[in-house]
Amino acid sequence: MASLFLPMHSLPTVLPTQTPKTPSNSKNLSIFPTQSSHSQFFGLKLSCASLSIPSSTSSVKSSIFAKVNKGGVPPQFTLKDQDGRNVTLSKFKGKPVVVYFYPADETPGCTKQACAFRDSYEKFKKAGAEVVGISGDDPSSHKAFAQKYRLPFTLLSDEGNKVRKEWGVPADLFGTLPGRQTYVLDKKGVVQLIYNNQFQPEKHIDETLKLLQSL
C-alpha cells in the first residue's frame, strides 16, 4: 500500500488563535468627558453629561414617524398668539396656510428662518397664504421676538409642546432638540407638503413657496 506523507508546514492550522485580553480597567474608559461641557448648538445649550441615548430602537422610531401625513387633515388646535389672543387652526380654512414648528425664539437658526419668512412675506401674501410659527415659548417671548425682528406673521405659543406632540413633529439628536418642521395646508385644510430640515432653516421658505405656486 502506498503511503502519502505531507510536510508539517503544509498542514492547516486547526488550533484557534488567541486574541489579546482587554485590560481589566478598560471599563473605566469613556468617549464622553467626565465633566459637563456645553456648546451653543443653533442657540440651544447641550450638555454632553446630560445627553442620553435611547436604549432601544423603539424609542427612536417613536420620534421619527409623524402622526400627520401628506394628504391628511391635522388635529385642530387653539393657541395664544404673541398678543395673548386665542387663534384656532380652523380660522385659516379657505386659504392656504403654512404652519412651521421651530425650536425656540432668539436662537440663531430660528431667527434666520423667521427673518427669511419675513423677507418673503409679500410672496406668501401674493399666493394668498398665511404664515404661522409655533414653538414652546410663551406669548411674551413671542411678542419680543416679533417686535425685535419686525415679523409680520402670527407666532403661537405651544407651552408644554402639546400640539407638537399631537402633530408628531419629530425631534433631532435623540430627542434632545425640538424638531424644525413645516406643513403646507391647502384651502380645505389638507396637508400638501411636510418639510423637515433642522440645519438649513432658510430652505423651508424655498420649498413652501415652490409648493404654494403650484396649488
C-alpha atoms as a PDB file:
ATOM      1  CA  MET A   1       0.000   0.000   0.000  1.00  0.00           C
ATOM      2  CA  ALA A   2       1.357   3.419  -0.928  1.00  0.00           C
ATOM      3  CA  SER A   3       1.660   5.983   1.813  1.00  0.00           C
ATOM      4  CA  LEU A   4       1.353   9.767   1.388  1.00  0.00           C
ATOM      5  CA  PHE A   5       3.500  11.999   3.547  1.00  0.00           C
ATOM      6  CA  LEU A   6       2.988  15.782   3.716  1.00  0.00           C
ATOM      7  CA  PRO A   7       5.432  18.217   5.239  1.00  0.00           C
ATOM      8  CA  MET A   8       4.278  19.612   8.557  1.00  0.00           C
ATOM      9  CA  HIS A   9       4.191  23.207   7.319  1.00  0.00           C
ATOM     10  CA  SER A  10       1.579  22.310   4.690  1.00  0.00           C
ATOM     11  CA  LEU A  11      -0.998  21.148   7.226  1.00  0.00           C
ATOM     12  CA  PRO A  12      -3.711  23.703   8.034  1.00  0.00           C
ATOM     13  CA  THR A  13      -3.657  25.230  11.465  1.00  0.00           C
ATOM     14  CA  VAL A  14      -6.628  23.968  13.452  1.00  0.00           C
ATOM     15  CA  LEU A  15      -5.868  25.478  16.791  1.00  0.00           C
ATOM     16  CA  PRO A  16      -7.747  28.736  17.458  1.00  0.00           C
ATOM     17  CA  THR A  17      -5.712  31.889  17.501  1.00  0.00           C
ATOM     18  CA  GLN A  18      -5.692  33.580  20.878  1.00  0.00           C
ATOM     19  CA  THR A  19      -6.762  37.198  20.951  1.00  0.00           C
ATOM     20  CA  PRO A  20      -5.180  39.596  23.380  1.00  0.00           C
ATOM     21  CA  LYS A  21      -7.199  40.134  26.502  1.00  0.00           C
ATOM     22  CA  THR A  22      -8.775  43.505  27.114  1.00  0.00           C
ATOM     23  CA  PRO A  23      -7.213  45.251  30.093  1.00  0.00           C
ATOM     24  CA  SER A  24      -9.346  44.848  33.176  1.00  0.00           C
ATOM     25  CA  ASN A  25      -9.546  48.598  33.698  1.00  0.00           C
ATOM     26  CA  SER A  26     -11.000  49.217  30.204  1.00  0.00           C
ATOM     27  CA  LYS A  27     -14.465  49.614  31.655  1.00  0.00           C
ATOM     28  CA  ASN A  28     -13.356  52.957  33.007  1.00  0.00           C
ATOM     29  CA  LEU A  29     -12.735  54.328  29.530  1.00  0.00           C
ATOM     30  CA  SER A  30     -15.418  56.669  28.206  1.00  0.00           C
ATOM     31  CA  ILE A  31     -15.954  58.548  24.971  1.00  0.00           C
ATOM     32  CA  PHE A  32     -17.700  61.298  26.866  1.00  0.00           C
ATOM     33  CA  PRO A  33     -15.910  63.856  29.010  1.00  0.00           C
ATOM     34  CA  THR A  34     -16.294  63.348  32.737  1.00  0.00           C
ATOM     35  CA  GLN A  35     -17.116  66.997  33.221  1.00  0.00           C
ATOM     36  CA  SER A  36     -20.179  68.567  31.664  1.00  0.00           C
ATOM     37  CA  SER A  37     -19.241  70.564  28.577  1.00  0.00           C
ATOM     38  CA  HIS A  38     -21.748  72.878  26.973  1.00  0.00           C
ATOM     39  CA  SER A  39     -21.966  74.021  23.390  1.00  0.00           C
ATOM     40  CA  GLN A  40     -24.168  76.544  21.649  1.00  0.00           C
ATOM     41  CA  PHE A  41     -25.966  74.437  19.016  1.00  0.00           C
ATOM     42  CA  PHE A  42     -28.337  76.534  16.922  1.00  0.00           C
ATOM     43  CA  GLY A  43     -28.938  78.564  20.066  1.00  0.00           C
ATOM     44  CA  LEU A  44     -29.695  75.620  22.359  1.00  0.00           C
ATOM     45  CA  LYS A  45     -27.316  74.652  25.162  1.00  0.00           C
ATOM     46  CA  LEU A  46     -26.428  70.985  25.131  1.00  0.00           C
ATOM     47  CA  SER A  47     -24.581  69.127  27.847  1.00  0.00           C
ATOM     48  CA  CYS A  48     -22.561  66.027  26.995  1.00  0.00           C
ATOM     49  CA  ALA A  49     -23.048  64.748  30.508  1.00  0.00           C
ATOM     50  CA  SER A  50     -26.822  65.009  30.235  1.00  0.00           C
ATOM     51  CA  LEU A  51     -27.121  63.564  26.731  1.00  0.00           C
ATOM     52  CA  SER A  52     -28.974  60.268  26.889  1.00  0.00           C
ATOM     53  CA  ILE A  53     -29.061  57.749  24.055  1.00  0.00           C
ATOM     54  CA  PRO A  54     -32.180  55.585  23.702  1.00  0.00           C
ATOM     55  CA  SER A  55     -31.632  52.031  24.883  1.00  0.00           C
ATOM     56  CA  SER A  56     -33.830  50.526  22.179  1.00  0.00           C
ATOM     57  CA  THR A  57     -34.783  51.241  18.591  1.00  0.00           C
ATOM     58  CA  SER A  58     -38.429  51.504  19.576  1.00  0.00           C
ATOM     59  CA  SER A  59     -37.819  54.835  21.311  1.00  0.00           C
ATOM     60  CA  VAL A  60     -36.013  56.132  18.237  1.00  0.00           C
ATOM     61  CA  LYS A  61     -38.848  55.080  15.934  1.00  0.00           C
ATOM     62  CA  SER A  62     -41.400  56.921  18.055  1.00  0.00           C
ATOM     63  CA  SER A  63     -39.534  60.175  17.428  1.00  0.00           C
ATOM     64  CA  ILE A  64     -39.185  59.629  13.687  1.00  0.00           C
ATOM     65  CA  PHE A  65     -42.609  58.693  12.374  1.00  0.00           C
ATOM     66  CA  ALA A  66     -45.007  61.640  12.272  1.00  0.00           C
ATOM     67  CA  LYS A  67     -48.716  61.336  13.009  1.00  0.00           C
ATOM     68  CA  VAL A  68     -49.673  63.940  10.406  1.00  0.00           C
ATOM     69  CA  ASN A  69     -49.144  62.735   6.857  1.00  0.00           C
ATOM     70  CA  LYS A  70     -49.403  64.275   3.418  1.00  0.00           C
ATOM     71  CA  GLY A  71     -52.996  64.079   2.218  1.00  0.00           C
ATOM     72  CA  GLY A  72     -54.351  64.016   5.765  1.00  0.00           C
ATOM     73  CA  VAL A  73     -56.071  66.597   7.942  1.00  0.00           C
ATOM     74  CA  PRO A  74     -54.054  67.560  11.030  1.00  0.00           C
ATOM     75  CA  PRO A  75     -55.553  67.851  14.537  1.00  0.00           C
ATOM     76  CA  GLN A  76     -57.218  71.162  15.338  1.00  0.00           C
ATOM     77  CA  PHE A  77     -55.712  73.465  17.956  1.00  0.00           C
ATOM     78  CA  THR A  78     -56.353  76.699  19.783  1.00  0.00           C
ATOM     79  CA  LEU A  79     -53.246  78.549  20.974  1.00  0.00           C
ATOM     80  CA  LYS A  80     -52.389  82.054  22.141  1.00  0.00           C
ATOM     81  CA  ASP A  81     -50.577  84.386  19.747  1.00  0.00           C
ATOM     82  CA  GLN A  82     -47.948  86.998  20.581  1.00  0.00           C
ATOM     83  CA  ASP A  83     -50.684  89.381  21.714  1.00  0.00           C
ATOM     84  CA  GLY A  84     -52.340  86.859  24.006  1.00  0.00           C
ATOM     85  CA  ARG A  85     -55.320  86.240  21.697  1.00  0.00           C
ATOM     86  CA  ASN A  86     -56.659  82.745  21.051  1.00  0.00           C
ATOM     87  CA  VAL A  87     -56.087  81.523  17.499  1.00  0.00           C
ATOM     88  CA  THR A  88     -57.726  78.380  16.130  1.00  0.00           C
ATOM     89  CA  LEU A  89     -56.409  76.470  13.120  1.00  0.00           C
ATOM     90  CA  SER A  90     -59.887  76.400  11.553  1.00  0.00           C
ATOM     91  CA  LYS A  91     -59.719  80.202  11.335  1.00  0.00           C
ATOM     92  CA  PHE A  92     -57.475  79.820   8.280  1.00  0.00           C
ATOM     93  CA  LYS A  93     -59.726  77.435   6.374  1.00  0.00           C
ATOM     94  CA  GLY A  94     -60.497  78.755   2.897  1.00  0.00           C
ATOM     95  CA  LYS A  95     -56.917  79.834   2.232  1.00  0.00           C
ATOM     96  CA  PRO A  96     -53.567  78.041   2.185  1.00  0.00           C
ATOM     97  CA  VAL A  97     -51.649  78.182   5.439  1.00  0.00           C
ATOM     98  CA  VAL A  98     -48.009  77.492   6.245  1.00  0.00           C
ATOM     99  CA  VAL A  99     -47.575  76.121   9.759  1.00  0.00           C
ATOM    100  CA  TYR A 100     -43.951  75.865  10.806  1.00  0.00           C
ATOM    101  CA  PHE A 101     -42.720  74.408  14.082  1.00  0.00           C
ATOM    102  CA  TYR A 102     -39.360  75.699  15.301  1.00  0.00           C
ATOM    103  CA  PRO A 103     -37.237  75.031  18.422  1.00  0.00           C
ATOM    104  CA  ALA A 104     -37.137  78.420  20.190  1.00  0.00           C
ATOM    105  CA  ASP A 105     -37.220  82.205  19.883  1.00  0.00           C
ATOM    106  CA  GLU A 106     -33.946  84.121  19.577  1.00  0.00           C
ATOM    107  CA  THR A 107     -31.800  81.131  18.598  1.00  0.00           C
ATOM    108  CA  PRO A 108     -29.569  81.565  15.515  1.00  0.00           C
ATOM    109  CA  GLY A 109     -31.319  79.017  13.282  1.00  0.00           C
ATOM    110  CA  CYS A 110     -34.816  80.085  14.301  1.00  0.00           C
ATOM    111  CA  THR A 111     -34.001  83.761  13.832  1.00  0.00           C
ATOM    112  CA  LYS A 112     -32.671  83.037  10.327  1.00  0.00           C
ATOM    113  CA  GLN A 113     -35.819  81.132   9.482  1.00  0.00           C
ATOM    114  CA  ALA A 114     -38.192  83.759  10.866  1.00  0.00           C
ATOM    115  CA  CYS A 115     -36.390  86.566   9.037  1.00  0.00           C
ATOM    116  CA  ALA A 116     -36.451  84.547   5.804  1.00  0.00           C
ATOM    117  CA  PHE A 117     -40.227  84.160   6.131  1.00  0.00           C
ATOM    118  CA  ARG A 118     -40.418  87.910   6.838  1.00  0.00           C
ATOM    119  CA  ASP A 119     -38.353  88.816   3.772  1.00  0.00           C
ATOM    120  CA  SER A 120     -40.544  86.639   1.543  1.00  0.00           C
ATOM    121  CA  TYR A 121     -43.818  87.544   3.224  1.00  0.00           C
ATOM    122  CA  GLU A 122     -45.114  89.500   0.238  1.00  0.00           C
ATOM    123  CA  LYS A 123     -44.687  86.384  -1.914  1.00  0.00           C
ATOM    124  CA  PHE A 124     -46.757  84.386   0.555  1.00  0.00           C
ATOM    125  CA  LYS A 125     -49.442  87.080   0.531  1.00  0.00           C
ATOM    126  CA  LYS A 126     -49.435  87.068  -3.263  1.00  0.00           C
ATOM    127  CA  ALA A 127     -50.058  83.309  -3.115  1.00  0.00           C
ATOM    128  CA  GLY A 128     -52.965  84.001  -0.740  1.00  0.00           C
ATOM    129  CA  ALA A 129     -51.300  82.107   2.109  1.00  0.00           C
ATOM    130  CA  GLU A 130     -50.987  82.759   5.823  1.00  0.00           C
ATOM    131  CA  VAL A 131     -47.788  82.017   7.772  1.00  0.00           C
ATOM    132  CA  VAL A 132     -47.944  80.719  11.344  1.00  0.00           C
ATOM    133  CA  GLY A 133     -44.919  79.894  13.513  1.00  0.00           C
ATOM    134  CA  ILE A 134     -45.238  77.631  16.568  1.00  0.00           C
ATOM    135  CA  SER A 135     -42.809  76.967  19.409  1.00  0.00           C
ATOM    136  CA  GLY A 136     -42.960  76.235  23.127  1.00  0.00           C
ATOM    137  CA  ASP A 137     -42.144  79.842  24.094  1.00  0.00           C
ATOM    138  CA  ASP A 138     -44.753  81.893  25.945  1.00  0.00           C
ATOM    139  CA  PRO A 139     -46.657  84.823  24.327  1.00  0.00           C
ATOM    140  CA  SER A 140     -44.418  87.479  25.889  1.00  0.00           C
ATOM    141  CA  SER A 141     -41.324  85.836  24.387  1.00  0.00           C
ATOM    142  CA  HIS A 142     -43.066  85.691  21.004  1.00  0.00           C
ATOM    143  CA  LYS A 143     -44.027  89.347  21.262  1.00  0.00           C
ATOM    144  CA  ALA A 144     -40.460  90.450  21.982  1.00  0.00           C
ATOM    145  CA  PHE A 145     -39.146  88.209  19.187  1.00  0.00           C
ATOM    146  CA  ALA A 146     -41.684  89.539  16.664  1.00  0.00           C
ATOM    147  CA  GLN A 147     -41.043  93.170  17.593  1.00  0.00           C
ATOM    148  CA  LYS A 148     -37.268  92.848  17.525  1.00  0.00           C
ATOM    149  CA  TYR A 149     -37.207  91.370  14.011  1.00  0.00           C
ATOM    150  CA  ARG A 150     -40.378  93.065  12.675  1.00  0.00           C
ATOM    151  CA  LEU A 151     -42.118  89.780  11.964  1.00  0.00           C
ATOM    152  CA  PRO A 152     -45.438  90.422  10.165  1.00  0.00           C
ATOM    153  CA  PHE A 153     -46.961  86.989  10.757  1.00  0.00           C
ATOM    154  CA  THR A 154     -48.531  85.092  13.664  1.00  0.00           C
ATOM    155  CA  LEU A 155     -46.469  83.304  16.314  1.00  0.00           C
ATOM    156  CA  LEU A 156     -48.309  80.821  18.530  1.00  0.00           C
ATOM    157  CA  SER A 157     -47.354  79.598  21.978  1.00  0.00           C
ATOM    158  CA  ASP A 158     -47.428  75.826  22.392  1.00  0.00           C
ATOM    159  CA  GLU A 159     -46.357  75.680  26.038  1.00  0.00           C
ATOM    160  CA  GLY A 160     -45.853  72.079  27.066  1.00  0.00           C
ATOM    161  CA  ASN A 161     -45.465  71.148  23.373  1.00  0.00           C
ATOM    162  CA  LYS A 162     -48.920  69.564  23.304  1.00  0.00           C
ATOM    163  CA  VAL A 163     -49.654  70.446  19.662  1.00  0.00           C
ATOM    164  CA  ARG A 164     -46.137  69.486  18.603  1.00  0.00           C
ATOM    165  CA  LYS A 165     -46.740  66.026  20.079  1.00  0.00           C
ATOM    166  CA  GLU A 166     -50.233  65.713  18.580  1.00  0.00           C
ATOM    167  CA  TRP A 167     -48.892  66.537  15.132  1.00  0.00           C
ATOM    168  CA  GLY A 168     -45.982  64.143  15.675  1.00  0.00           C
ATOM    169  CA  VAL A 169     -43.217  66.613  14.894  1.00  0.00           C
ATOM    170  CA  PRO A 170     -40.007  64.541  15.088  1.00  0.00           C
ATOM    171  CA  ALA A 171     -37.193  65.652  17.377  1.00  0.00           C
ATOM    172  CA  ASP A 172     -33.499  65.648  16.483  1.00  0.00           C
ATOM    173  CA  LEU A 173     -30.341  64.479  18.264  1.00  0.00           C
ATOM    174  CA  PHE A 174     -32.014  61.539  20.018  1.00  0.00           C
ATOM    175  CA  GLY A 175     -34.875  63.723  21.204  1.00  0.00           C
ATOM    176  CA  THR A 176     -32.739  66.460  22.780  1.00  0.00           C
ATOM    177  CA  LEU A 177     -33.537  69.124  20.165  1.00  0.00           C
ATOM    178  CA  PRO A 178     -37.120  70.108  19.207  1.00  0.00           C
ATOM    179  CA  GLY A 179     -37.719  69.468  15.521  1.00  0.00           C
ATOM    180  CA  ARG A 180     -37.942  72.085  12.778  1.00  0.00           C
ATOM    181  CA  GLN A 181     -40.792  71.012  10.525  1.00  0.00           C
ATOM    182  CA  THR A 182     -43.055  72.901   8.122  1.00  0.00           C
ATOM    183  CA  TYR A 183     -46.519  71.946   6.882  1.00  0.00           C
ATOM    184  CA  VAL A 184     -48.431  73.479   3.988  1.00  0.00           C
ATOM    185  CA  LEU A 185     -52.203  73.098   4.168  1.00  0.00           C
ATOM    186  CA  ASP A 186     -54.417  73.842   1.185  1.00  0.00           C
ATOM    187  CA  LYS A 187     -57.714  75.765   1.244  1.00  0.00           C
ATOM    188  CA  LYS A 188     -59.545  72.699   2.547  1.00  0.00           C
ATOM    189  CA  GLY A 189     -57.107  72.159   5.401  1.00  0.00           C
ATOM    190  CA  VAL A 190     -55.455  69.125   3.797  1.00  0.00           C
ATOM    191  CA  VAL A 191     -51.682  68.717   4.170  1.00  0.00           C
ATOM    192  CA  GLN A 192     -49.935  69.091   0.801  1.00  0.00           C
ATOM    193  CA  LEU A 193     -46.330  69.329   1.997  1.00  0.00           C
ATOM    194  CA  ILE A 194     -44.276  68.247   5.001  1.00  0.00           C
ATOM    195  CA  TYR A 195     -40.717  69.565   5.017  1.00  0.00           C
ATOM    196  CA  ASN A 196     -38.112  68.845   7.680  1.00  0.00           C
ATOM    197  CA  ASN A 197     -34.656  70.414   7.728  1.00  0.00           C
ATOM    198  CA  GLN A 198     -33.083  71.343  11.057  1.00  0.00           C
ATOM    199  CA  PHE A 199     -29.805  72.680   9.755  1.00  0.00           C
ATOM    200  CA  GLN A 200     -30.872  74.722   6.708  1.00  0.00           C
ATOM    201  CA  PRO A 201     -33.684  76.879   8.100  1.00  0.00           C
ATOM    202  CA  GLU A 202     -33.988  79.116   5.029  1.00  0.00           C
ATOM    203  CA  LYS A 203     -34.763  76.140   2.764  1.00  0.00           C
ATOM    204  CA  HIS A 204     -38.191  75.878   4.405  1.00  0.00           C
ATOM    205  CA  ILE A 205     -39.164  79.109   2.671  1.00  0.00           C
ATOM    206  CA  ASP A 206     -37.993  77.937  -0.769  1.00  0.00           C
ATOM    207  CA  GLU A 207     -39.827  74.622  -0.527  1.00  0.00           C
ATOM    208  CA  THR A 208     -43.094  76.087   0.733  1.00  0.00           C
ATOM    209  CA  LEU A 209     -43.192  78.836  -1.899  1.00  0.00           C
ATOM    210  CA  LYS A 210     -42.485  76.307  -4.625  1.00  0.00           C
ATOM    211  CA  LEU A 211     -45.453  74.226  -3.471  1.00  0.00           C
ATOM    212  CA  LEU A 212     -47.796  77.210  -2.990  1.00  0.00           C
ATOM    213  CA  GLN A 213     -47.114  78.454  -6.501  1.00  0.00           C
ATOM    214  CA  SER A 214     -48.232  75.087  -7.868  1.00  0.00           C
ATOM    215  CA  LEU A 215     -51.551  74.963  -5.962  1.00  0.00           C
END
